[in-house]
Amino acid sequence: MPLDESIGPMLKRKGGEVFSMLPTATVYDAVVCMAEKGVGALLVMTDGHLDGIISERDYARKIVLLGRSSKETLVSEIMSSPVITVTPRHTIGDCMRIISDNRIRHLPVTENGRVCAVLSIGDLVNWIITAQQETIKHLEAYISGGGA
């Protein structure tokens, strides 16, 4: 089971593309960006500093349900802050626990004070499923005499 494996290999496969907005952008612009990029959250950053995170959940709960205008509300007004982060040395199990315990879906990865990636719950689940499938293939090959 890969839960005790660091997230380093996952980050190498996933890549380090990070999407962000300025805190002074409108929520509308953030939602448009999320839709264009096909992501559920954006980091809120100023000059490389992580100020917060804005997600579709923030939009639904803090704009839609409260009847606010996304074109008049700034990202800084609804972003979640401070942001929980991990480093590449954290394990997959660590990340799963952090996401579950904090009821979040996105986890920025920082190294040397800089954001290098963002992991989603989907990334973690897909990594675990792939690892399990590989283990099953190896076991089937071993059982059928195909080698260890």
C-alpha atoms as a PDB file:
ATOM      1  CA  MET A   1       0.000   0.000   0.000  1.00  0.00           C
ATOM      2  CA  PRO A   2       1.511   3.340  -1.006  1.00  0.00           C
ATOM      3  CA  LEU A   3       0.197   5.369   1.950  1.00  0.00           C
ATOM      4  CA  ASP A   4       3.643   5.543   3.549  1.00  0.00           C
ATOM      5  CA  GLU A   5       5.257   6.699   0.288  1.00  0.00           C
ATOM      6  CA  SER A   6       6.169  10.368  -0.022  1.00  0.00           C
ATOM      7  CA  ILE A   7       4.201  12.490  -2.465  1.00  0.00           C
ATOM      8  CA  GLY A   8       7.435  13.318  -4.324  1.00  0.00           C
ATOM      9  CA  PRO A   9       6.927  10.706  -7.094  1.00  0.00           C
ATOM     10  CA  MET A  10       3.301  11.785  -7.518  1.00  0.00           C
ATOM     11  CA  LEU A  11       4.398  15.398  -7.932  1.00  0.00           C
ATOM     12  CA  LYS A  12       6.933  14.417 -10.605  1.00  0.00           C
ATOM     13  CA  ARG A  13       4.238  12.618 -12.588  1.00  0.00           C
ATOM     14  CA  LYS A  14       1.587  15.299 -12.072  1.00  0.00           C
ATOM     15  CA  GLY A  15       3.803  18.276 -12.802  1.00  0.00           C
ATOM     16  CA  GLY A  16       3.912  21.593 -11.052  1.00  0.00           C
ATOM     17  CA  GLU A  17       1.382  23.688 -12.907  1.00  0.00           C
ATOM     18  CA  VAL A  18      -0.230  26.047 -10.402  1.00  0.00           C
ATOM     19  CA  PHE A  19      -3.117  28.376 -11.166  1.00  0.00           C
ATOM     20  CA  SER A  20      -3.585  31.493  -9.084  1.00  0.00           C
ATOM     21  CA  MET A  21      -5.401  34.812  -8.836  1.00  0.00           C
ATOM     22  CA  LEU A  22      -4.609  38.080  -7.135  1.00  0.00           C
ATOM     23  CA  PRO A  23      -6.627  38.864  -3.999  1.00  0.00           C
ATOM     24  CA  THR A  24      -7.855  42.015  -5.753  1.00  0.00           C
ATOM     25  CA  ALA A  25      -9.485  40.057  -8.604  1.00  0.00           C
ATOM     26  CA  THR A  26     -13.248  39.632  -8.615  1.00  0.00           C
ATOM     27  CA  VAL A  27     -14.808  36.339  -7.646  1.00  0.00           C
ATOM     28  CA  TYR A  28     -16.384  36.282 -11.108  1.00  0.00           C
ATOM     29  CA  ASP A  29     -12.931  36.360 -12.728  1.00  0.00           C
ATOM     30  CA  ALA A  30     -11.787  33.553 -10.426  1.00  0.00           C
ATOM     31  CA  VAL A  31     -14.768  31.370 -11.357  1.00  0.00           C
ATOM     32  CA  VAL A  32     -14.146  32.026 -15.062  1.00  0.00           C
ATOM     33  CA  CYS A  33     -10.490  31.038 -14.596  1.00  0.00           C
ATOM     34  CA  MET A  34     -11.448  27.836 -12.747  1.00  0.00           C
ATOM     35  CA  ALA A  35     -13.822  26.909 -15.575  1.00  0.00           C
ATOM     36  CA  GLU A  36     -11.216  27.626 -18.269  1.00  0.00           C
ATOM     37  CA  LYS A  37      -8.519  25.630 -16.478  1.00  0.00           C
ATOM     38  CA  GLY A  38     -10.838  22.803 -15.433  1.00  0.00           C
ATOM     39  CA  VAL A  39      -9.927  23.093 -11.751  1.00  0.00           C
ATOM     40  CA  GLY A  40     -12.005  23.391  -8.604  1.00  0.00           C
ATOM     41  CA  ALA A  41      -9.771  25.839  -6.749  1.00  0.00           C
ATOM     42  CA  LEU A  42      -7.220  28.577  -7.307  1.00  0.00           C
ATOM     43  CA  LEU A  43      -4.457  29.757  -5.074  1.00  0.00           C
ATOM     44  CA  VAL A  44      -4.639  33.405  -4.096  1.00  0.00           C
ATOM     45  CA  MET A  45      -1.148  34.832  -4.363  1.00  0.00           C
ATOM     46  CA  THR A  46       0.654  38.169  -4.251  1.00  0.00           C
ATOM     47  CA  ASP A  47       4.234  38.327  -5.545  1.00  0.00           C
ATOM     48  CA  GLY A  48       4.733  34.588  -5.001  1.00  0.00           C
ATOM     49  CA  HIS A  49       3.305  34.693  -1.457  1.00  0.00           C
ATOM     50  CA  LEU A  50       0.378  32.382  -0.698  1.00  0.00           C
ATOM     51  CA  ASP A  51      -2.413  34.540   0.738  1.00  0.00           C
ATOM     52  CA  GLY A  52      -5.290  32.064   0.545  1.00  0.00           C
ATOM     53  CA  ILE A  53      -7.248  29.677  -1.629  1.00  0.00           C
ATOM     54  CA  ILE A  54     -10.602  30.114  -3.350  1.00  0.00           C
ATOM     55  CA  SER A  55     -12.705  27.145  -4.366  1.00  0.00           C
ATOM     56  CA  GLU A  56     -16.004  26.374  -6.002  1.00  0.00           C
ATOM     57  CA  ARG A  57     -17.232  25.590  -2.492  1.00  0.00           C
ATOM     58  CA  ASP A  58     -16.312  29.112  -1.355  1.00  0.00           C
ATOM     59  CA  TYR A  59     -18.228  30.515  -4.310  1.00  0.00           C
ATOM     60  CA  ALA A  60     -21.319  28.411  -3.618  1.00  0.00           C
ATOM     61  CA  ARG A  61     -21.418  29.096   0.108  1.00  0.00           C
ATOM     62  CA  LYS A  62     -20.174  32.677   0.308  1.00  0.00           C
ATOM     63  CA  ILE A  63     -21.600  34.179  -2.883  1.00  0.00           C
ATOM     64  CA  VAL A  64     -24.545  32.161  -4.201  1.00  0.00           C
ATOM     65  CA  LEU A  65     -26.164  31.248  -0.878  1.00  0.00           C
ATOM     66  CA  LEU A  66     -25.688  34.750   0.545  1.00  0.00           C
ATOM     67  CA  GLY A  67     -26.991  36.490  -2.569  1.00  0.00           C
ATOM     68  CA  ARG A  68     -23.767  38.415  -3.162  1.00  0.00           C
ATOM     69  CA  SER A  69     -22.549  39.603  -6.545  1.00  0.00           C
ATOM     70  CA  SER A  70     -19.536  37.716  -7.894  1.00  0.00           C
ATOM     71  CA  LYS A  71     -18.715  40.666 -10.150  1.00  0.00           C
ATOM     72  CA  GLU A  72     -18.558  43.069  -7.189  1.00  0.00           C
ATOM     73  CA  THR A  73     -16.971  40.833  -4.553  1.00  0.00           C
ATOM     74  CA  LEU A  74     -13.193  40.514  -4.349  1.00  0.00           C
ATOM     75  CA  VAL A  75     -11.446  37.176  -4.008  1.00  0.00           C
ATOM     76  CA  SER A  76      -9.854  38.407  -0.763  1.00  0.00           C
ATOM     77  CA  GLU A  77     -13.324  38.747   0.792  1.00  0.00           C
ATOM     78  CA  ILE A  78     -14.225  35.067   0.477  1.00  0.00           C
ATOM     79  CA  MET A  79     -10.927  33.172   0.185  1.00  0.00           C
ATOM     80  CA  SER A  80     -10.011  30.611   2.805  1.00  0.00           C
ATOM     81  CA  SER A  81      -7.003  31.681   4.834  1.00  0.00           C
ATOM     82  CA  PRO A  82      -4.626  30.647   6.288  1.00  0.00           C
ATOM     83  CA  VAL A  83      -3.982  27.791   3.880  1.00  0.00           C
ATOM     84  CA  ILE A  84      -2.970  24.343   5.062  1.00  0.00           C
ATOM     85  CA  THR A  85       0.077  23.201   3.087  1.00  0.00           C
ATOM     86  CA  VAL A  86       2.375  20.186   2.860  1.00  0.00           C
ATOM     87  CA  THR A  87       5.884  19.583   1.535  1.00  0.00           C
ATOM     88  CA  PRO A  88       7.082  16.942  -0.945  1.00  0.00           C
ATOM     89  CA  ARG A  89       8.326  14.933   2.033  1.00  0.00           C
ATOM     90  CA  HIS A  90       4.815  14.354   3.378  1.00  0.00           C
ATOM     91  CA  THR A  91       3.389  10.916   2.693  1.00  0.00           C
ATOM     92  CA  ILE A  92       0.262  10.076   0.776  1.00  0.00           C
ATOM     93  CA  GLY A  93      -1.282   8.936   4.055  1.00  0.00           C
ATOM     94  CA  ASP A  94      -0.385  12.265   5.690  1.00  0.00           C
ATOM     95  CA  CYS A  95      -2.090  14.140   2.858  1.00  0.00           C
ATOM     96  CA  MET A  96      -5.198  11.945   2.972  1.00  0.00           C
ATOM     97  CA  ARG A  97      -5.490  12.522   6.736  1.00  0.00           C
ATOM     98  CA  ILE A  98      -4.989  16.290   6.411  1.00  0.00           C
ATOM     99  CA  ILE A  99      -7.626  16.537   3.676  1.00  0.00           C
ATOM    100  CA  SER A 100     -10.072  14.355   5.590  1.00  0.00           C
ATOM    101  CA  ASP A 101      -9.524  15.936   9.010  1.00  0.00           C
ATOM    102  CA  ASN A 102      -9.829  19.476   7.655  1.00  0.00           C
ATOM    103  CA  ARG A 103     -12.627  18.722   5.179  1.00  0.00           C
ATOM    104  CA  ILE A 104     -10.746  20.296   2.295  1.00  0.00           C
ATOM    105  CA  ARG A 105     -10.269  19.142  -1.294  1.00  0.00           C
ATOM    106  CA  HIS A 106      -7.067  20.899  -2.333  1.00  0.00           C
ATOM    107  CA  LEU A 107      -3.659  20.902  -0.716  1.00  0.00           C
ATOM    108  CA  PRO A 108      -0.885  23.257  -1.866  1.00  0.00           C
ATOM    109  CA  VAL A 109       2.618  21.799  -1.773  1.00  0.00           C
ATOM    110  CA  THR A 110       5.414  24.159  -0.751  1.00  0.00           C
ATOM    111  CA  GLU A 111       9.158  23.810  -0.818  1.00  0.00           C
ATOM    112  CA  ASN A 112      11.642  26.418   0.394  1.00  0.00           C
ATOM    113  CA  GLY A 113       8.783  28.844   1.013  1.00  0.00           C
ATOM    114  CA  ARG A 114       7.415  28.619  -2.556  1.00  0.00           C
ATOM    115  CA  VAL A 115       4.343  26.840  -3.888  1.00  0.00           C
ATOM    116  CA  CYS A 116       5.445  24.075  -6.253  1.00  0.00           C
ATOM    117  CA  ALA A 117       2.169  22.198  -6.850  1.00  0.00           C
ATOM    118  CA  VAL A 118      -1.405  21.674  -5.719  1.00  0.00           C
ATOM    119  CA  LEU A 119      -2.764  18.214  -4.925  1.00  0.00           C
ATOM    120  CA  SER A 120      -6.449  17.448  -5.020  1.00  0.00           C
ATOM    121  CA  ILE A 121      -8.278  14.624  -3.324  1.00  0.00           C
ATOM    122  CA  GLY A 122      -8.751  13.205  -6.828  1.00  0.00           C
ATOM    123  CA  ASP A 123      -4.988  13.161  -7.430  1.00  0.00           C
ATOM    124  CA  LEU A 124      -4.435  11.198  -4.226  1.00  0.00           C
ATOM    125  CA  VAL A 125      -7.241   8.709  -4.869  1.00  0.00           C
ATOM    126  CA  ASN A 126      -6.089   8.119  -8.459  1.00  0.00           C
ATOM    127  CA  TRP A 127      -2.515   7.515  -7.270  1.00  0.00           C
ATOM    128  CA  ILE A 128      -3.700   4.953  -4.730  1.00  0.00           C
ATOM    129  CA  ILE A 129      -5.940   3.181  -7.271  1.00  0.00           C
ATOM    130  CA  THR A 130      -3.094   3.003  -9.803  1.00  0.00           C
ATOM    131  CA  ALA A 131      -0.723   1.610  -7.188  1.00  0.00           C
ATOM    132  CA  GLN A 132      -3.285  -1.013  -6.179  1.00  0.00           C
ATOM    133  CA  GLN A 133      -3.829  -2.025  -9.807  1.00  0.00           C
ATOM    134  CA  GLU A 134      -0.071  -2.439 -10.277  1.00  0.00           C
ATOM    135  CA  THR A 135       0.141  -4.575  -7.133  1.00  0.00           C
ATOM    136  CA  ILE A 136      -2.703  -6.764  -8.371  1.00  0.00           C
ATOM    137  CA  LYS A 137      -0.962  -7.259 -11.745  1.00  0.00           C
ATOM    138  CA  HIS A 138       2.283  -8.248 -10.011  1.00  0.00           C
ATOM    139  CA  LEU A 139       0.469 -10.692  -7.740  1.00  0.00           C
ATOM    140  CA  GLU A 140      -1.437 -12.227 -10.655  1.00  0.00           C
ATOM    141  CA  ALA A 141       1.806 -12.649 -12.595  1.00  0.00           C
ATOM    142  CA  TYR A 142       3.466 -14.231  -9.570  1.00  0.00           C
ATOM    143  CA  ILE A 143       0.572 -16.630  -8.946  1.00  0.00           C
ATOM    144  CA  SER A 144       0.393 -17.686 -12.588  1.00  0.00           C
ATOM    145  CA  GLY A 145       4.132 -18.343 -12.631  1.00  0.00           C
ATOM    146  CA  GLY A 146       5.105 -15.251 -14.566  1.00  0.00           C
ATOM    147  CA  GLY A 147       7.772 -14.252 -12.062  1.00  0.00           C
ATOM    148  CA  ALA A 148       8.006 -12.039  -9.034  1.00  0.00           C
END
